[in-house]
């Protein structure tokens, strides 16, 4: 059977889907880890802002989302 590439879910916001798809492409092409990690960080950056945490750096925004109950403690730990 043909293996289909993983793509973003159609309900995801366009900004998140674009970064996710590009990062998956980099991973499938065995590009430098730098590109993959940068894509993951960019995705987290956009997601935190979309969830309402707009002030501070990425760590502070992740902490804010956990404090507000928008993400779990486990997700907070993973994101850090």
PDB file of N, CA and C in Angstrom:
ATOM      1  N   UNK A   1       0.819  -1.197   0.000  1.00  0.00           N
ATOM      2  CA  UNK A   1       0.000   0.000   0.000  1.00  0.00           C
ATOM      3  C   UNK A   1       0.861   1.259   0.000  1.00  0.00           C
ATOM      4  N   UNK A   2       0.304   2.283  -0.542  1.00  0.00           N
ATOM      5  CA  UNK A   2       1.007   3.565  -0.588  1.00  0.00           C
ATOM      6  C   UNK A   2       0.942   4.232   0.778  1.00  0.00           C
ATOM      7  N   UNK A   3       2.067   4.774   1.209  1.00  0.00           N
ATOM      8  CA  UNK A   3       2.119   5.485   2.486  1.00  0.00           C
ATOM      9  C   UNK A   3       1.857   6.958   2.214  1.00  0.00           C
ATOM     10  N   UNK A   4       0.834   7.485   2.841  1.00  0.00           N
ATOM     11  CA  UNK A   4       0.487   8.887   2.661  1.00  0.00           C
ATOM     12  C   UNK A   4       1.265   9.731   3.659  1.00  0.00           C
ATOM     13  N   UNK A   5       1.753  10.879   3.230  1.00  0.00           N
ATOM     14  CA  UNK A   5       2.469  11.749   4.169  1.00  0.00           C
ATOM     15  C   UNK A   5       1.514  12.301   5.230  1.00  0.00           C
ATOM     16  N   UNK A   6       2.042  12.514   6.408  1.00  0.00           N
ATOM     17  CA  UNK A   6       1.243  13.088   7.483  1.00  0.00           C
ATOM     18  C   UNK A   6       1.109  14.580   7.213  1.00  0.00           C
ATOM     19  N   UNK A   7      -0.101  15.058   7.249  1.00  0.00           N
ATOM     20  CA  UNK A   7      -0.343  16.488   7.076  1.00  0.00           C
ATOM     21  C   UNK A   7      -1.213  16.983   8.221  1.00  0.00           C
ATOM     22  N   UNK A   8      -1.243  18.275   8.350  1.00  0.00           N
ATOM     23  CA  UNK A   8      -2.028  18.894   9.412  1.00  0.00           C
ATOM     24  C   UNK A   8      -3.508  18.578   9.228  1.00  0.00           C
ATOM     25  N   UNK A   9      -4.208  18.542  10.323  1.00  0.00           N
ATOM     26  CA  UNK A   9      -5.647  18.316  10.280  1.00  0.00           C
ATOM     27  C   UNK A   9      -6.319  19.520   9.613  1.00  0.00           C
ATOM     28  N   UNK A  10      -7.311  19.294   8.775  1.00  0.00           N
ATOM     29  CA  UNK A  10      -7.928  20.404   8.042  1.00  0.00           C
ATOM     30  C   UNK A  10      -8.581  21.472   8.923  1.00  0.00           C
ATOM     31  N   UNK A  11      -8.850  21.167  10.184  1.00  0.00           N
ATOM     32  CA  UNK A  11      -9.459  22.168  11.061  1.00  0.00           C
ATOM     33  C   UNK A  11      -8.432  23.070  11.746  1.00  0.00           C
ATOM     34  N   UNK A  12      -7.141  22.743  11.604  1.00  0.00           N
ATOM     35  CA  UNK A  12      -6.110  23.560  12.245  1.00  0.00           C
ATOM     36  C   UNK A  12      -6.039  24.931  11.587  1.00  0.00           C
ATOM     37  N   UNK A  13      -5.703  25.976  12.354  1.00  0.00           N
ATOM     38  CA  UNK A  13      -5.501  27.290  11.745  1.00  0.00           C
ATOM     39  C   UNK A  13      -4.407  27.227  10.673  1.00  0.00           C
ATOM     40  N   UNK A  14      -4.554  28.030   9.649  1.00  0.00           N
ATOM     41  CA  UNK A  14      -3.644  28.015   8.502  1.00  0.00           C
ATOM     42  C   UNK A  14      -2.188  28.191   8.924  1.00  0.00           C
ATOM     43  N   UNK A  15      -1.928  29.115   9.851  1.00  0.00           N
ATOM     44  CA  UNK A  15      -0.543  29.376  10.266  1.00  0.00           C
ATOM     45  C   UNK A  15       0.104  28.147  10.885  1.00  0.00           C
ATOM     46  N   UNK A  16      -0.657  27.425  11.696  1.00  0.00           N
ATOM     47  CA  UNK A  16      -0.132  26.236  12.368  1.00  0.00           C
ATOM     48  C   UNK A  16       0.046  25.102  11.365  1.00  0.00           C
ATOM     49  N   UNK A  17      -0.929  24.909  10.510  1.00  0.00           N
ATOM     50  CA  UNK A  17      -0.859  23.845   9.505  1.00  0.00           C
ATOM     51  C   UNK A  17       0.338  24.034   8.582  1.00  0.00           C
ATOM     52  N   UNK A  18       0.595  25.253   8.164  1.00  0.00           N
ATOM     53  CA  UNK A  18       1.706  25.516   7.246  1.00  0.00           C
ATOM     54  C   UNK A  18       3.045  25.159   7.887  1.00  0.00           C
ATOM     55  N   UNK A  19       3.238  25.584   9.127  1.00  0.00           N
ATOM     56  CA  UNK A  19       4.500  25.280   9.823  1.00  0.00           C
ATOM     57  C   UNK A  19       4.626  23.777  10.054  1.00  0.00           C
ATOM     58  N   UNK A  20       3.540  23.147  10.488  1.00  0.00           N
ATOM     59  CA  UNK A  20       3.554  21.705  10.744  1.00  0.00           C
ATOM     60  C   UNK A  20       3.918  20.935   9.475  1.00  0.00           C
ATOM     61  N   UNK A  21       3.248  21.250   8.376  1.00  0.00           N
ATOM     62  CA  UNK A  21       3.503  20.537   7.119  1.00  0.00           C
ATOM     63  C   UNK A  21       4.932  20.728   6.645  1.00  0.00           C
ATOM     64  N   UNK A  22       5.441  21.944   6.762  1.00  0.00           N
ATOM     65  CA  UNK A  22       6.822  22.208   6.358  1.00  0.00           C
ATOM     66  C   UNK A  22       7.810  21.438   7.237  1.00  0.00           C
ATOM     67  N   UNK A  23       7.546  21.407   8.531  1.00  0.00           N
ATOM     68  CA  UNK A  23       8.425  20.686   9.460  1.00  0.00           C
ATOM     69  C   UNK A  23       8.405  19.187   9.172  1.00  0.00           C
ATOM     70  N   UNK A  24       7.220  18.632   8.905  1.00  0.00           N
ATOM     71  CA  UNK A  24       7.117  17.209   8.539  1.00  0.00           C
ATOM     72  C   UNK A  24       7.894  16.926   7.252  1.00  0.00           C
ATOM     73  N   UNK A  25       7.849  17.849   6.315  1.00  0.00           N
ATOM     74  CA  UNK A  25       8.596  17.686   5.064  1.00  0.00           C
ATOM     75  C   UNK A  25      10.098  17.656   5.356  1.00  0.00           C
ATOM     76  N   UNK A  26      10.574  18.578   6.191  1.00  0.00           N
ATOM     77  CA  UNK A  26      11.992  18.597   6.563  1.00  0.00           C
ATOM     78  C   UNK A  26      12.395  17.270   7.201  1.00  0.00           C
ATOM     79  N   UNK A  27      11.550  16.761   8.082  1.00  0.00           N
ATOM     80  CA  UNK A  27      11.832  15.500   8.762  1.00  0.00           C
ATOM     81  C   UNK A  27      11.902  14.352   7.766  1.00  0.00           C
ATOM     82  N   UNK A  28      10.970  14.304   6.830  1.00  0.00           N
ATOM     83  CA  UNK A  28      10.960  13.210   5.855  1.00  0.00           C
ATOM     84  C   UNK A  28      12.152  13.275   4.903  1.00  0.00           C
ATOM     85  N   UNK A  29      12.705  14.465   4.720  1.00  0.00           N
ATOM     86  CA  UNK A  29      13.870  14.639   3.846  1.00  0.00           C
ATOM     87  C   UNK A  29      15.187  14.498   4.601  1.00  0.00           C
ATOM     88  N   UNK A  30      15.098  14.141   5.878  1.00  0.00           N
ATOM     89  CA  UNK A  30      16.292  14.010   6.735  1.00  0.00           C
ATOM     90  C   UNK A  30      17.129  15.281   6.746  1.00  0.00           C
ATOM     91  N   UNK A  31      16.446  16.408   6.762  1.00  0.00           N
ATOM     92  CA  UNK A  31      17.144  17.684   6.842  1.00  0.00           C
ATOM     93  C   UNK A  31      17.790  17.830   8.209  1.00  0.00           C
ATOM     94  N   UNK A  32      18.612  18.830   8.331  1.00  0.00           N
ATOM     95  CA  UNK A  32      19.290  19.102   9.588  1.00  0.00           C
ATOM     96  C   UNK A  32      18.289  19.213  10.738  1.00  0.00           C
ATOM     97  N   UNK A  33      18.687  18.706  11.902  1.00  0.00           N
ATOM     98  CA  UNK A  33      17.831  18.798  13.081  1.00  0.00           C
ATOM     99  C   UNK A  33      17.461  20.242  13.397  1.00  0.00           C
ATOM    100  N   UNK A  34      18.328  21.169  13.015  1.00  0.00           N
ATOM    101  CA  UNK A  34      18.059  22.586  13.250  1.00  0.00           C
ATOM    102  C   UNK A  34      16.719  22.989  12.641  1.00  0.00           C
ATOM    103  N   UNK A  35      16.466  22.577  11.400  1.00  0.00           N
ATOM    104  CA  UNK A  35      15.227  22.952  10.715  1.00  0.00           C
ATOM    105  C   UNK A  35      14.006  22.333  11.394  1.00  0.00           C
ATOM    106  N   UNK A  36      14.150  21.087  11.818  1.00  0.00           N
ATOM    107  CA  UNK A  36      13.044  20.397  12.476  1.00  0.00           C
ATOM    108  C   UNK A  36      12.746  21.057  13.821  1.00  0.00           C
ATOM    109  N   UNK A  37      13.785  21.312  14.607  1.00  0.00           N
ATOM    110  CA  UNK A  37      13.577  21.944  15.912  1.00  0.00           C
ATOM    111  C   UNK A  37      13.023  23.362  15.767  1.00  0.00           C
ATOM    112  N   UNK A  38      13.505  24.098  14.778  1.00  0.00           N
ATOM    113  CA  UNK A  38      12.990  25.452  14.543  1.00  0.00           C
ATOM    114  C   UNK A  38      11.506  25.399  14.177  1.00  0.00           C
ATOM    115  N   UNK A  39      11.123  24.417  13.399  1.00  0.00           N
ATOM    116  CA  UNK A  39       9.716  24.260  13.036  1.00  0.00           C
ATOM    117  C   UNK A  39       8.851  23.918  14.238  1.00  0.00           C
ATOM    118  N   UNK A  40       9.365  23.048  15.097  1.00  0.00           N
ATOM    119  CA  UNK A  40       8.617  22.690  16.313  1.00  0.00           C
ATOM    120  C   UNK A  40       8.443  23.908  17.217  1.00  0.00           C
ATOM    121  N   UNK A  41       9.502  24.672  17.376  1.00  0.00           N
ATOM    122  CA  UNK A  41       9.429  25.870  18.213  1.00  0.00           C
ATOM    123  C   UNK A  41       8.466  26.887  17.620  1.00  0.00           C
ATOM    124  N   UNK A  42       8.523  27.054  16.315  1.00  0.00           N
ATOM    125  CA  UNK A  42       7.618  27.991  15.647  1.00  0.00           C
ATOM    126  C   UNK A  42       6.162  27.578  15.829  1.00  0.00           C
ATOM    127  N   UNK A  43       5.910  26.285  15.752  1.00  0.00           N
ATOM    128  CA  UNK A  43       4.552  25.787  15.955  1.00  0.00           C
ATOM    129  C   UNK A  43       4.080  26.105  17.370  1.00  0.00           C
ATOM    130  N   UNK A  44       4.918  25.820  18.367  1.00  0.00           N
ATOM    131  CA  UNK A  44       4.558  26.127  19.750  1.00  0.00           C
ATOM    132  C   UNK A  44       4.322  27.616  19.941  1.00  0.00           C
ATOM    133  N   UNK A  45       5.135  28.430  19.300  1.00  0.00           N
ATOM    134  CA  UNK A  45       5.006  29.876  19.409  1.00  0.00           C
ATOM    135  C   UNK A  45       3.633  30.337  18.927  1.00  0.00           C
ATOM    136  N   UNK A  46       3.229  29.869  17.762  1.00  0.00           N
ATOM    137  CA  UNK A  46       1.928  30.259  17.200  1.00  0.00           C
ATOM    138  C   UNK A  46       0.787  29.696  18.035  1.00  0.00           C
ATOM    139  N   UNK A  47       0.908  28.446  18.460  1.00  0.00           N
ATOM    140  CA  UNK A  47      -0.163  27.815  19.241  1.00  0.00           C
ATOM    141  C   UNK A  47      -0.391  28.559  20.549  1.00  0.00           C
ATOM    142  N   UNK A  48       0.671  28.919  21.253  1.00  0.00           N
ATOM    143  CA  UNK A  48       0.486  29.625  22.531  1.00  0.00           C
ATOM    144  C   UNK A  48      -0.249  30.941  22.319  1.00  0.00           C
ATOM    145  N   UNK A  49       0.077  31.625  21.247  1.00  0.00           N
ATOM    146  CA  UNK A  49      -0.596  32.896  20.975  1.00  0.00           C
ATOM    147  C   UNK A  49      -2.057  32.676  20.585  1.00  0.00           C
ATOM    148  N   UNK A  50      -2.315  31.642  19.790  1.00  0.00           N
ATOM    149  CA  UNK A  50      -3.690  31.333  19.393  1.00  0.00           C
ATOM    150  C   UNK A  50      -4.547  30.960  20.607  1.00  0.00           C
ATOM    151  N   UNK A  51      -3.926  30.364  21.630  1.00  0.00           N
ATOM    152  CA  UNK A  51      -4.656  29.979  22.838  1.00  0.00           C
ATOM    153  C   UNK A  51      -4.818  31.146  23.814  1.00  0.00           C
ATOM    154  N   UNK A  52      -4.292  32.325  23.442  1.00  0.00           N
ATOM    155  CA  UNK A  52      -4.532  33.518  24.243  1.00  0.00           C
ATOM    156  C   UNK A  52      -3.373  34.026  25.063  1.00  0.00           C
ATOM    157  N   UNK A  53      -2.254  33.333  25.064  1.00  0.00           N
ATOM    158  CA  UNK A  53      -1.081  33.797  25.809  1.00  0.00           C
ATOM    159  C   UNK A  53      -0.220  34.621  24.854  1.00  0.00           C
ATOM    160  N   UNK A  54      -0.337  35.931  24.941  1.00  0.00           N
ATOM    161  CA  UNK A  54       0.329  36.787  23.969  1.00  0.00           C
ATOM    162  C   UNK A  54       1.547  37.518  24.544  1.00  0.00           C
ATOM    163  N   UNK A  55       1.631  37.666  25.861  1.00  0.00           N
ATOM    164  CA  UNK A  55       2.716  38.423  26.479  1.00  0.00           C
ATOM    165  C   UNK A  55       3.843  37.499  26.932  1.00  0.00           C
ATOM    166  N   UNK A  56       5.063  38.005  26.850  1.00  0.00           N
ATOM    167  CA  UNK A  56       6.214  37.275  27.355  1.00  0.00           C
ATOM    168  C   UNK A  56       6.849  36.368  26.321  1.00  0.00           C
ATOM    169  N   UNK A  57       7.892  35.683  26.776  1.00  0.00           N
ATOM    170  CA  UNK A  57       8.584  34.750  25.884  1.00  0.00           C
ATOM    171  C   UNK A  57       7.828  33.420  25.858  1.00  0.00           C
ATOM    172  N   UNK A  58       8.300  32.485  25.074  1.00  0.00           N
ATOM    173  CA  UNK A  58       7.599  31.215  24.904  1.00  0.00           C
ATOM    174  C   UNK A  58       7.417  30.488  26.227  1.00  0.00           C
ATOM    175  N   UNK A  59       8.440  30.438  27.051  1.00  0.00           N
ATOM    176  CA  UNK A  59       8.332  29.761  28.350  1.00  0.00           C
ATOM    177  C   UNK A  59       7.252  30.410  29.208  1.00  0.00           C
ATOM    178  N   UNK A  60       7.238  31.720  29.245  1.00  0.00           N
ATOM    179  CA  UNK A  60       6.241  32.430  30.045  1.00  0.00           C
ATOM    180  C   UNK A  60       4.829  32.197  29.515  1.00  0.00           C
ATOM    181  N   UNK A  61       4.686  32.140  28.202  1.00  0.00           N
ATOM    182  CA  UNK A  61       3.369  31.900  27.615  1.00  0.00           C
ATOM    183  C   UNK A  61       2.880  30.484  27.920  1.00  0.00           C
ATOM    184  N   UNK A  62       3.788  29.504  27.866  1.00  0.00           N
ATOM    185  CA  UNK A  62       3.425  28.122  28.215  1.00  0.00           C
ATOM    186  C   UNK A  62       2.992  28.063  29.681  1.00  0.00           C
ATOM    187  N   UNK A  63       3.752  28.707  30.558  1.00  0.00           N
ATOM    188  CA  UNK A  63       3.402  28.736  31.980  1.00  0.00           C
ATOM    189  C   UNK A  63       2.032  29.385  32.195  1.00  0.00           C
ATOM    190  N   UNK A  64       1.763  30.463  31.481  1.00  0.00           N
ATOM    191  CA  UNK A  64       0.484  31.170  31.599  1.00  0.00           C
ATOM    192  C   UNK A  64      -0.677  30.262  31.183  1.00  0.00           C
ATOM    193  N   UNK A  65      -0.498  29.541  30.092  1.00  0.00           N
ATOM    194  CA  UNK A  65      -1.551  28.637  29.640  1.00  0.00           C
ATOM    195  C   UNK A  65      -1.843  27.556  30.685  1.00  0.00           C
ATOM    196  N   UNK A  66      -0.786  27.057  31.338  1.00  0.00           N
ATOM    197  CA  UNK A  66      -0.973  26.046  32.387  1.00  0.00           C
ATOM    198  C   UNK A  66      -1.673  26.661  33.598  1.00  0.00           C
ATOM    199  N   UNK A  67      -1.270  27.862  33.987  1.00  0.00           N
ATOM    200  CA  UNK A  67      -1.899  28.544  35.119  1.00  0.00           C
ATOM    201  C   UNK A  67      -3.387  28.778  34.862  1.00  0.00           C
ATOM    202  N   UNK A  68      -3.717  29.093  33.615  1.00  0.00           N
ATOM    203  CA  UNK A  68      -5.115  29.373  33.246  1.00  0.00           C
ATOM    204  C   UNK A  68      -5.921  28.104  32.982  1.00  0.00           C
ATOM    205  N   UNK A  69      -5.279  26.939  33.088  1.00  0.00           N
ATOM    206  CA  UNK A  69      -5.965  25.671  32.878  1.00  0.00           C
ATOM    207  C   UNK A  69      -6.243  25.351  31.416  1.00  0.00           C
ATOM    208  N   UNK A  70      -5.550  26.025  30.513  1.00  0.00           N
ATOM    209  CA  UNK A  70      -5.759  25.773  29.080  1.00  0.00           C
ATOM    210  C   UNK A  70      -4.921  24.600  28.572  1.00  0.00           C
ATOM    211  N   UNK A  71      -3.861  24.270  29.304  1.00  0.00           N
ATOM    212  CA  UNK A  71      -3.072  23.072  29.003  1.00  0.00           C
ATOM    213  C   UNK A  71      -2.795  22.351  30.318  1.00  0.00           C
ATOM    214  N   UNK A  72      -2.551  21.060  30.229  1.00  0.00           N
ATOM    215  CA  UNK A  72      -2.286  20.260  31.430  1.00  0.00           C
ATOM    216  C   UNK A  72      -0.841  20.433  31.886  1.00  0.00           C
ATOM    217  N   UNK A  73      -0.566  20.015  33.104  1.00  0.00           N
ATOM    218  CA  UNK A  73       0.800  20.068  33.636  1.00  0.00           C
ATOM    219  C   UNK A  73       1.737  19.196  32.803  1.00  0.00           C
ATOM    220  N   UNK A  74       1.229  18.065  32.340  1.00  0.00           N
ATOM    221  CA  UNK A  74       2.048  17.170  31.517  1.00  0.00           C
ATOM    222  C   UNK A  74       2.401  17.841  30.189  1.00  0.00           C
ATOM    223  N   UNK A  75       1.429  18.503  29.575  1.00  0.00           N
ATOM    224  CA  UNK A  75       1.696  19.208  28.324  1.00  0.00           C
ATOM    225  C   UNK A  75       2.660  20.370  28.550  1.00  0.00           C
ATOM    226  N   UNK A  76       2.518  21.056  29.661  1.00  0.00           N
ATOM    227  CA  UNK A  76       3.442  22.142  30.014  1.00  0.00           C
ATOM    228  C   UNK A  76       4.865  21.610  30.103  1.00  0.00           C
ATOM    229  N   UNK A  77       5.037  20.500  30.818  1.00  0.00           N
ATOM    230  CA  UNK A  77       6.367  19.909  30.981  1.00  0.00           C
ATOM    231  C   UNK A  77       6.932  19.493  29.622  1.00  0.00           C
ATOM    232  N   UNK A  78       6.109  18.861  28.801  1.00  0.00           N
ATOM    233  CA  UNK A  78       6.548  18.433  27.459  1.00  0.00           C
ATOM    234  C   UNK A  78       6.967  19.643  26.623  1.00  0.00           C
ATOM    235  N   UNK A  79       6.170  20.693  26.656  1.00  0.00           N
ATOM    236  CA  UNK A  79       6.452  21.875  25.841  1.00  0.00           C
ATOM    237  C   UNK A  79       7.749  22.561  26.261  1.00  0.00           C
ATOM    238  N   UNK A  80       8.022  22.543  27.572  1.00  0.00           N
ATOM    239  CA  UNK A  80       9.283  23.130  28.029  1.00  0.00           C
ATOM    240  C   UNK A  80      10.449  22.274  27.591  1.00  0.00           C
TER     241      UNK A  80
END
